Amino acid sequence: MDGQYKPGWYIHPNLALIKIYQSGQSWVYRCYSSSGQKALSKERPLDQWTWALSEPSPEEY
């Protein structure tokens, strides 16, 4: 993706389903199961590479 970060569900080629959101003043992401029901990672800081490789998910979870 290009431009400003936007909260929501995204598909990443290596991380699979991720949720991007703001936590305090920082943008973060978490990896989720394919159903979107279970978090598979802790909050991680969102970086430009993760954002650049992410595509909006066709589904909302």
Foldseek 3Di string as FASTA:
>chain_A
DDDDDDFFWWQAPVLGIKTWDDDVNFIWIFRADPVRPGTPDDTDGDDPVRVVRIDHDPDGD
